[in-house]
Amino acid sequence: MSHAAWMITAVFMLSNSPTPLYVRWQEQLGFSSGMLTVIFALYIAGLLGTLLVAGQLSDRYGRKFVLVPGLVSAILACGLFGTATSVTMLAIGRCLAGISVGTIVSAGMAAVVDAGGAERKRQAALLASIAMVLGAGLGPLLAGAAAQTLAHPVPPVFIVESLILLSALAIALRLPTHEAQKDGPFRLRLPHVPLANRHQVLCGIATFGPGITATSFVLALGPSLLARLLEVRSPLLAGGMATAMFFTAVGVQFVAQRWSITRIFVASASSTIVAMLCLVWAIHGSMVLPLIASALFAGAGQGLGQLGGLSLIGLHVPTSHRAQANAVLNIGGYIPAGLLPVATGYLIDYVGLAAAGMSFGLVLAVTALVAGGWAVRRAALSGG
């Protein structure tokens, strides 16, 4: 399982490595807050487009068939980031990074559960989830440290990341080749989850979605809040805040691995609500510590929602549809994670960073309360 999990970690390191570098690129290339969030969201667009097909292809033709081109896309993205001289190069790089993440969250996570076997489904779901947030945290830490200490940090960051991805590609190339299923002609369609399992996937989306939307805000606009509103210009702090956020997501999953699904969902929704209240407090009071607290609680909300959703899928969804169920879970989570920060980015250009950030926090807190309450009730009714 650990080799399959390393592929997840490697790709998610790339996904968030640009976070401490956005302010630098914004100053060098001269784009607005709205454009910054669009660049960030193009990653989500690439991810969502890939999720529509990656799970089906993986379930039909095997994990290797999907993972190898996904890792190649990640390596190409590194090349674009490392040499970016225009917004277009950043945008294409983010889209390719999203494509690679789309392959990983469907085929890669399914590969970890496959490797765990029938006896270790829940442990495999935990390992896959931890591998994801571990990589998501290590990426910005590497980039933030480089930006703090090096005059020209961008090329070294993405050279190191390329080497890590090459090691993951070597693992993918050694995966067994899967014989395609012979159950009739294959047609791509929207990812399909059996009717009996749809409410379980929706429960995961209801808590994972608000959690990952909160962490997406921190990744996209956290450095801008630090630099422009709180007047703290430290790439290491920006990267470290993102790292601490995702390491919190890892830690809470270890704590919660034996909890009931219902309890996990309660904790996820509560953490996201507290995160948004801390965000409003940080902006209103122009204070750094509440912003850091917001990031930590956001990480807890995402990690717990992700653990609950993946656990339900691993326990109840059959192997033949597991990658597609993973895809649906992530589609449901990443849609608001892309749309709300972009809307906030453009709102910043019109009403200012403080008003837009506080509006985002209040809207997401209410969303987490309503959606999380529904998920908890459904999980309790199904004996979770």
Protein backbone atom coordinates (compact mmCIF):
# COMPACT_ATOMS: atom_id res chain seq x y z
CA MET A 1 0.00 0.00 0.00
CA SER A 2 2.81 2.40 0.84
CA HIS A 3 4.22 2.47 -2.71
CA ALA A 4 0.80 3.33 -4.14
CA ALA A 5 0.36 5.99 -1.45
CA TRP A 6 3.70 7.62 -2.43
CA MET A 7 2.26 8.43 -5.86
CA ILE A 8 -0.56 10.34 -4.16
CA THR A 9 1.88 12.25 -1.96
CA ALA A 10 4.12 13.20 -4.90
CA VAL A 11 1.28 14.64 -6.99
CA PHE A 12 -0.29 16.55 -4.10
CA MET A 13 3.09 18.10 -3.30
CA LEU A 14 2.90 19.69 -6.75
CA SER A 15 -0.71 20.77 -6.29
CA ASN A 16 0.11 23.25 -3.52
CA SER A 17 3.76 24.11 -4.17
CA PRO A 18 2.76 27.37 -5.97
CA THR A 19 0.95 28.73 -2.87
CA PRO A 20 3.83 30.77 -1.33
CA LEU A 21 4.90 31.88 -4.82
CA TYR A 22 1.63 33.51 -5.93
CA VAL A 23 2.45 36.92 -4.44
CA ARG A 24 5.86 36.86 -6.17
CA TRP A 25 4.31 35.94 -9.54
CA GLN A 26 1.55 38.52 -9.04
CA GLU A 27 4.11 41.28 -8.52
CA GLN A 28 6.32 40.14 -11.41
CA LEU A 29 3.54 39.60 -13.96
CA GLY A 30 1.08 42.23 -12.71
CA PHE A 31 -2.26 40.41 -12.49
CA SER A 32 -5.26 41.15 -10.23
CA SER A 33 -6.70 39.21 -7.29
CA GLY A 34 -9.48 38.00 -9.55
CA MET A 35 -6.98 36.64 -12.07
CA LEU A 36 -5.00 35.03 -9.25
CA THR A 37 -8.04 33.05 -8.16
CA VAL A 38 -8.81 32.13 -11.79
CA ILE A 39 -5.30 30.72 -12.16
CA PHE A 40 -5.87 28.77 -8.96
CA ALA A 41 -9.28 27.57 -10.15
CA LEU A 42 -7.93 26.34 -13.51
CA TYR A 43 -6.32 23.60 -11.46
CA ILE A 44 -9.78 22.64 -10.25
CA ALA A 45 -11.16 22.83 -13.80
CA GLY A 46 -8.49 20.40 -15.02
CA LEU A 47 -9.16 18.18 -12.04
CA LEU A 48 -12.92 18.09 -12.55
CA GLY A 49 -12.63 17.41 -16.28
CA THR A 50 -10.30 14.51 -15.54
CA LEU A 51 -12.52 13.11 -12.80
CA LEU A 52 -15.36 12.79 -15.32
CA VAL A 53 -13.42 10.10 -17.18
CA ALA A 54 -10.50 8.91 -15.03
CA GLY A 55 -12.53 6.77 -12.66
CA GLN A 56 -14.33 4.97 -15.48
CA LEU A 57 -11.11 4.36 -17.40
CA SER A 58 -9.40 3.12 -14.26
CA ASP A 59 -12.19 0.71 -13.35
CA ARG A 60 -12.30 -0.55 -16.96
CA TYR A 61 -8.63 -0.68 -18.01
CA GLY A 62 -6.77 -0.66 -14.72
CA ARG A 63 -5.01 1.86 -12.49
CA LYS A 64 -1.76 1.96 -14.50
CA PHE A 65 -3.57 3.01 -17.68
CA VAL A 66 -4.68 6.24 -15.95
CA LEU A 67 -1.83 6.92 -13.53
CA VAL A 68 1.06 6.99 -16.02
CA PRO A 69 -0.29 9.83 -18.23
CA GLY A 70 -1.41 11.66 -15.09
CA LEU A 71 2.12 11.64 -13.67
CA VAL A 72 3.55 12.75 -17.02
CA SER A 73 1.13 15.72 -16.93
CA ALA A 74 2.44 16.60 -13.46
CA ILE A 75 6.05 16.59 -14.70
CA LEU A 76 5.11 18.87 -17.62
CA ALA A 77 3.39 21.23 -15.15
CA CYS A 78 6.64 21.44 -13.18
CA GLY A 79 8.44 22.56 -16.32
CA LEU A 80 5.90 25.33 -16.94
CA PHE A 81 5.95 26.58 -13.35
CA GLY A 82 9.72 26.51 -13.18
CA THR A 83 10.13 28.67 -16.28
CA ALA A 84 6.91 30.77 -16.17
CA THR A 85 7.21 34.20 -17.80
CA SER A 86 3.50 34.82 -18.44
CA VAL A 87 0.06 34.30 -16.98
CA THR A 88 -0.63 31.82 -19.80
CA MET A 89 2.21 29.56 -18.70
CA LEU A 90 0.96 29.63 -15.11
CA ALA A 91 -2.58 28.90 -16.25
CA ILE A 92 -1.57 25.91 -18.39
CA GLY A 93 0.66 24.62 -15.61
CA ARG A 94 -2.20 24.82 -13.10
CA CYS A 95 -4.54 23.03 -15.50
CA LEU A 96 -2.02 20.21 -16.05
CA ALA A 97 -1.51 19.96 -12.29
CA GLY A 98 -5.27 19.59 -11.91
CA ILE A 99 -5.33 16.84 -14.52
CA SER A 100 -2.65 14.93 -12.62
CA VAL A 101 -4.54 15.31 -9.34
CA GLY A 102 -7.72 14.10 -11.04
CA THR A 103 -6.01 10.86 -12.00
CA ILE A 104 -4.61 10.42 -8.51
CA VAL A 105 -7.78 10.98 -6.50
CA SER A 106 -9.65 8.44 -8.62
CA ALA A 107 -7.18 5.79 -9.80
CA GLY A 108 -4.45 6.44 -7.22
CA MET A 109 -6.68 6.24 -4.17
CA ALA A 110 -8.44 3.20 -5.61
CA ALA A 111 -5.00 1.59 -6.14
CA VAL A 112 -4.20 2.02 -2.44
CA VAL A 113 -7.48 0.38 -1.41
CA ASP A 114 -6.89 -2.40 -3.95
CA ALA A 115 -3.43 -3.02 -2.47
CA GLY A 116 -4.92 -3.24 1.03
CA GLY A 117 -7.18 -6.13 0.10
CA ALA A 118 -10.58 -7.04 1.51
CA GLU A 119 -9.32 -7.23 5.09
CA ARG A 120 -7.81 -3.74 5.29
CA LYS A 121 -10.26 -1.49 3.45
CA ARG A 122 -10.64 1.07 6.21
CA GLN A 123 -6.89 1.20 6.93
CA ALA A 124 -6.23 1.66 3.20
CA ALA A 125 -8.76 4.50 3.02
CA LEU A 126 -6.97 6.16 5.94
CA LEU A 127 -3.56 5.72 4.28
CA ALA A 128 -4.83 7.16 0.98
CA SER A 129 -6.37 10.15 2.73
CA ILE A 130 -3.24 10.80 4.81
CA ALA A 131 -0.99 10.50 1.72
CA MET A 132 -3.08 13.18 0.02
CA VAL A 133 -2.94 15.74 2.82
CA LEU A 134 0.71 14.94 3.61
CA GLY A 135 1.73 15.83 0.07
CA ALA A 136 -0.53 18.87 0.09
CA GLY A 137 1.31 20.10 3.20
CA LEU A 138 4.87 19.29 2.16
CA GLY A 139 4.61 21.17 -1.14
CA PRO A 140 4.05 24.68 0.23
CA LEU A 141 6.60 24.11 3.02
CA LEU A 142 9.29 23.33 0.43
CA ALA A 143 8.32 26.32 -1.71
CA GLY A 144 7.99 28.69 1.24
CA ALA A 145 11.40 27.76 2.63
CA ALA A 146 12.99 28.24 -0.79
CA ALA A 147 11.29 31.60 -1.32
CA GLN A 148 12.45 32.77 2.10
CA THR A 149 16.11 31.81 1.61
CA LEU A 150 16.84 31.94 -2.13
CA ALA A 151 16.96 34.96 -4.43
CA HIS A 152 15.52 32.89 -7.31
CA PRO A 153 13.51 30.11 -5.65
CA VAL A 154 11.16 29.06 -8.43
CA PRO A 155 13.44 26.82 -10.58
CA PRO A 156 14.90 24.86 -7.62
CA VAL A 157 11.43 24.19 -6.17
CA PHE A 158 10.14 22.61 -9.36
CA ILE A 159 13.35 20.74 -10.16
CA VAL A 160 13.04 18.97 -6.80
CA GLU A 161 9.36 18.35 -7.39
CA SER A 162 10.12 16.89 -10.85
CA LEU A 163 12.56 14.41 -9.32
CA ILE A 164 9.95 13.35 -6.77
CA LEU A 165 7.38 12.86 -9.53
CA LEU A 166 9.82 10.79 -11.56
CA SER A 167 10.13 8.40 -8.62
CA ALA A 168 6.33 8.15 -8.51
CA LEU A 169 6.23 7.51 -12.26
CA ALA A 170 8.68 4.63 -11.78
CA ILE A 171 6.26 3.08 -9.27
CA ALA A 172 3.31 3.50 -11.65
CA LEU A 173 5.21 1.85 -14.49
CA ARG A 174 5.75 -1.22 -12.30
CA LEU A 175 2.04 -1.66 -11.56
CA PRO A 176 0.51 -4.76 -13.13
CA THR A 177 -1.20 -4.28 -16.48
CA HIS A 178 -4.92 -4.83 -16.13
CA GLU A 179 -6.89 -6.82 -18.67
CA ALA A 180 -9.80 -4.75 -19.90
CA GLN A 181 -13.26 -5.85 -18.82
CA LYS A 182 -15.18 -7.75 -21.51
CA ASP A 183 -18.72 -6.88 -20.48
CA GLY A 184 -19.79 -5.16 -23.69
CA PRO A 185 -18.79 -2.00 -25.58
CA PHE A 186 -17.29 0.78 -23.47
CA ARG A 187 -18.78 4.26 -23.58
CA LEU A 188 -17.67 7.18 -21.49
CA ARG A 189 -20.40 8.74 -19.41
CA LEU A 190 -20.68 10.71 -16.21
CA PRO A 191 -19.13 8.85 -13.25
CA HIS A 192 -21.65 6.35 -11.98
CA VAL A 193 -22.31 5.27 -8.41
CA PRO A 194 -24.79 2.44 -7.73
CA LEU A 195 -28.14 3.75 -6.55
CA ALA A 196 -27.79 2.01 -3.21
CA ASN A 197 -24.54 3.87 -2.49
CA ARG A 198 -25.42 7.39 -3.64
CA HIS A 199 -26.55 8.70 -0.27
CA GLN A 200 -23.24 7.58 1.23
CA VAL A 201 -21.27 9.55 -1.36
CA LEU A 202 -23.53 12.59 -0.85
CA CYS A 203 -22.91 12.46 2.90
CA GLY A 204 -19.18 12.65 2.20
CA ILE A 205 -19.64 15.60 -0.17
CA ALA A 206 -21.74 17.49 2.38
CA THR A 207 -18.82 17.68 4.83
CA PHE A 208 -15.79 17.32 2.55
CA GLY A 209 -17.04 20.09 0.22
CA PRO A 210 -17.14 22.93 2.79
CA GLY A 211 -13.87 21.71 4.32
CA ILE A 212 -11.92 21.73 1.08
CA THR A 213 -13.48 25.05 0.09
CA ALA A 214 -12.08 26.53 3.31
CA THR A 215 -8.60 25.15 2.62
CA SER A 216 -8.78 26.34 -1.00
CA PHE A 217 -9.40 29.88 0.22
CA VAL A 218 -6.33 29.68 2.46
CA LEU A 219 -4.22 28.37 -0.43
CA ALA A 220 -5.44 30.90 -2.99
CA LEU A 221 -5.78 34.05 -0.88
CA GLY A 222 -4.03 33.35 2.42
CA PRO A 223 -0.70 34.81 1.22
CA SER A 224 -2.50 37.92 -0.05
CA LEU A 225 -4.24 38.35 3.31
CA LEU A 226 -0.89 38.14 5.07
CA ALA A 227 0.91 40.53 2.72
CA ARG A 228 -1.75 43.12 1.90
CA LEU A 229 -4.13 43.17 4.87
CA LEU A 230 -1.95 42.04 7.78
CA GLU A 231 1.31 43.46 6.31
CA VAL A 232 3.29 40.26 6.94
CA ARG A 233 5.45 39.53 3.89
CA SER A 234 6.94 36.13 4.66
CA PRO A 235 6.78 33.32 2.09
CA LEU A 236 7.88 30.89 4.79
CA LEU A 237 4.95 31.88 7.02
CA ALA A 238 2.55 31.63 4.07
CA GLY A 239 3.88 28.20 3.14
CA GLY A 240 4.15 27.13 6.76
CA MET A 241 0.53 28.08 7.41
CA ALA A 242 -0.58 25.89 4.50
CA THR A 243 1.67 23.08 5.72
CA ALA A 244 0.33 23.29 9.26
CA MET A 245 -3.19 23.25 7.83
CA PHE A 246 -2.64 19.99 6.02
CA PHE A 247 -0.60 18.40 8.80
CA THR A 248 -3.54 19.13 11.06
CA ALA A 249 -5.70 17.31 8.52
CA VAL A 250 -3.34 14.32 8.85
CA GLY A 251 -3.27 14.42 12.64
CA VAL A 252 -7.02 14.55 13.13
CA GLN A 253 -7.44 11.52 10.89
CA PHE A 254 -5.17 9.47 13.14
CA VAL A 255 -7.18 10.64 16.14
CA ALA A 256 -10.52 9.93 14.45
CA GLN A 257 -9.73 6.68 12.64
CA ARG A 258 -11.74 4.60 15.14
CA TRP A 259 -14.62 7.03 15.49
CA SER A 260 -18.04 6.33 14.07
CA ILE A 261 -18.78 7.96 10.72
CA THR A 262 -21.45 10.13 12.36
CA ARG A 263 -18.97 11.48 14.90
CA ILE A 264 -16.43 12.19 12.15
CA PHE A 265 -19.01 14.19 10.20
CA VAL A 266 -19.99 16.21 13.30
CA ALA A 267 -16.35 17.07 13.95
CA SER A 268 -15.76 17.97 10.30
CA ALA A 269 -18.66 20.41 10.05
CA SER A 270 -17.86 21.95 13.44
CA SER A 271 -14.21 22.49 12.50
CA THR A 272 -15.12 24.23 9.24
CA ILE A 273 -17.58 26.54 11.02
CA VAL A 274 -14.97 27.50 13.64
CA ALA A 275 -12.41 28.05 10.85
CA MET A 276 -14.64 30.58 9.15
CA LEU A 277 -15.44 32.40 12.39
CA CYS A 278 -11.70 32.68 13.04
CA LEU A 279 -11.22 34.04 9.50
CA VAL A 280 -13.79 36.78 10.11
CA TRP A 281 -12.12 37.57 13.45
CA ALA A 282 -8.68 37.75 11.82
CA ILE A 283 -9.84 40.13 9.11
CA HIS A 284 -11.94 42.30 11.42
CA GLY A 285 -9.14 42.64 13.96
CA SER A 286 -6.20 42.59 11.49
CA MET A 287 -4.57 39.79 13.50
CA VAL A 288 -2.30 36.99 12.34
CA LEU A 289 -2.98 34.40 15.06
CA PRO A 290 -6.72 34.02 14.30
CA LEU A 291 -5.81 33.59 10.61
CA ILE A 292 -3.44 30.76 11.54
CA ALA A 293 -6.17 29.24 13.73
CA SER A 294 -8.56 29.50 10.79
CA ALA A 295 -6.13 27.55 8.60
CA LEU A 296 -5.71 24.83 11.25
CA PHE A 297 -9.45 24.37 11.77
CA ALA A 298 -9.98 24.40 7.98
CA GLY A 299 -7.45 21.57 7.67
CA ALA A 300 -9.28 19.61 10.36
CA GLY A 301 -12.58 20.14 8.56
CA GLN A 302 -11.21 18.92 5.24
CA GLY A 303 -9.33 15.97 6.72
CA LEU A 304 -12.28 14.70 8.70
CA GLY A 305 -14.76 15.18 5.86
CA GLN A 306 -12.40 13.38 3.51
CA LEU A 307 -11.85 10.52 5.96
CA GLY A 308 -15.57 10.08 6.50
CA GLY A 309 -16.35 10.14 2.79
CA LEU A 310 -13.56 7.77 1.78
CA SER A 311 -14.41 5.41 4.64
CA LEU A 312 -18.03 5.16 3.54
CA ILE A 313 -16.94 4.48 -0.03
CA GLY A 314 -14.34 1.90 1.02
CA LEU A 315 -16.81 0.08 3.27
CA HIS A 316 -19.87 0.07 1.03
CA VAL A 317 -19.09 0.75 -2.65
CA PRO A 318 -18.08 -2.35 -4.68
CA THR A 319 -14.62 -2.49 -6.25
CA SER A 320 -16.04 -2.16 -9.76
CA HIS A 321 -17.31 1.34 -8.94
CA ARG A 322 -14.89 2.50 -6.25
CA ALA A 323 -12.75 4.76 -8.45
CA GLN A 324 -15.87 6.38 -9.89
CA ALA A 325 -17.25 6.92 -6.38
CA ASN A 326 -13.96 8.57 -5.39
CA ALA A 327 -14.31 10.77 -8.47
CA VAL A 328 -17.86 11.80 -7.56
CA LEU A 329 -16.83 12.60 -3.99
CA ASN A 330 -14.05 14.87 -5.24
CA ILE A 331 -16.18 16.48 -7.97
CA GLY A 332 -18.76 17.39 -5.36
CA GLY A 333 -16.10 18.84 -3.10
CA TYR A 334 -14.00 20.70 -5.65
CA ILE A 335 -16.86 22.50 -7.44
CA PRO A 336 -17.52 24.87 -4.52
CA ALA A 337 -13.77 24.90 -3.76
CA GLY A 338 -13.25 26.46 -7.19
CA LEU A 339 -16.28 28.70 -7.51
CA LEU A 340 -16.38 30.41 -4.11
CA PRO A 341 -12.71 31.52 -3.98
CA VAL A 342 -12.92 32.82 -7.57
CA ALA A 343 -16.07 34.78 -6.72
CA THR A 344 -14.27 36.12 -3.66
CA GLY A 345 -11.23 37.09 -5.73
CA TYR A 346 -13.30 39.21 -8.09
CA LEU A 347 -15.27 40.63 -5.17
CA ILE A 348 -11.93 41.77 -3.69
CA ASP A 349 -11.31 43.84 -6.83
CA TYR A 350 -14.62 45.66 -6.27
CA VAL A 351 -15.13 45.96 -2.50
CA GLY A 352 -11.69 45.28 -1.06
CA LEU A 353 -9.93 42.37 0.59
CA ALA A 354 -11.48 42.78 4.05
CA ALA A 355 -15.15 42.94 3.02
CA ALA A 356 -14.82 40.12 0.48
CA GLY A 357 -12.94 37.85 2.87
CA MET A 358 -15.48 38.33 5.66
CA SER A 359 -18.36 37.67 3.26
CA PHE A 360 -16.71 34.41 2.17
CA GLY A 361 -16.27 33.31 5.79
CA LEU A 362 -19.88 33.94 6.75
CA VAL A 363 -21.33 32.26 3.65
CA LEU A 364 -19.20 29.14 4.09
CA ALA A 365 -19.96 28.89 7.82
CA VAL A 366 -23.69 28.78 7.11
CA THR A 367 -23.15 26.27 4.30
CA ALA A 368 -21.12 23.98 6.57
CA LEU A 369 -23.81 24.16 9.26
CA VAL A 370 -26.66 23.23 6.92
CA ALA A 371 -24.86 20.60 4.82
CA GLY A 372 -23.08 19.06 7.79
CA GLY A 373 -26.33 18.77 9.75
CA TRP A 374 -27.93 16.91 6.86
CA ALA A 375 -24.96 14.53 6.53
CA VAL A 376 -24.97 13.73 10.24
CA ARG A 377 -28.69 12.89 10.18
CA ARG A 378 -28.32 10.62 7.15
CA ALA A 379 -25.25 8.87 8.56
CA ALA A 380 -27.05 8.28 11.86
CA LEU A 381 -30.09 6.81 10.09
CA SER A 382 -27.88 4.39 8.14
CA GLY A 383 -26.08 3.26 11.29
CA GLY A 384 -22.80 5.08 10.57
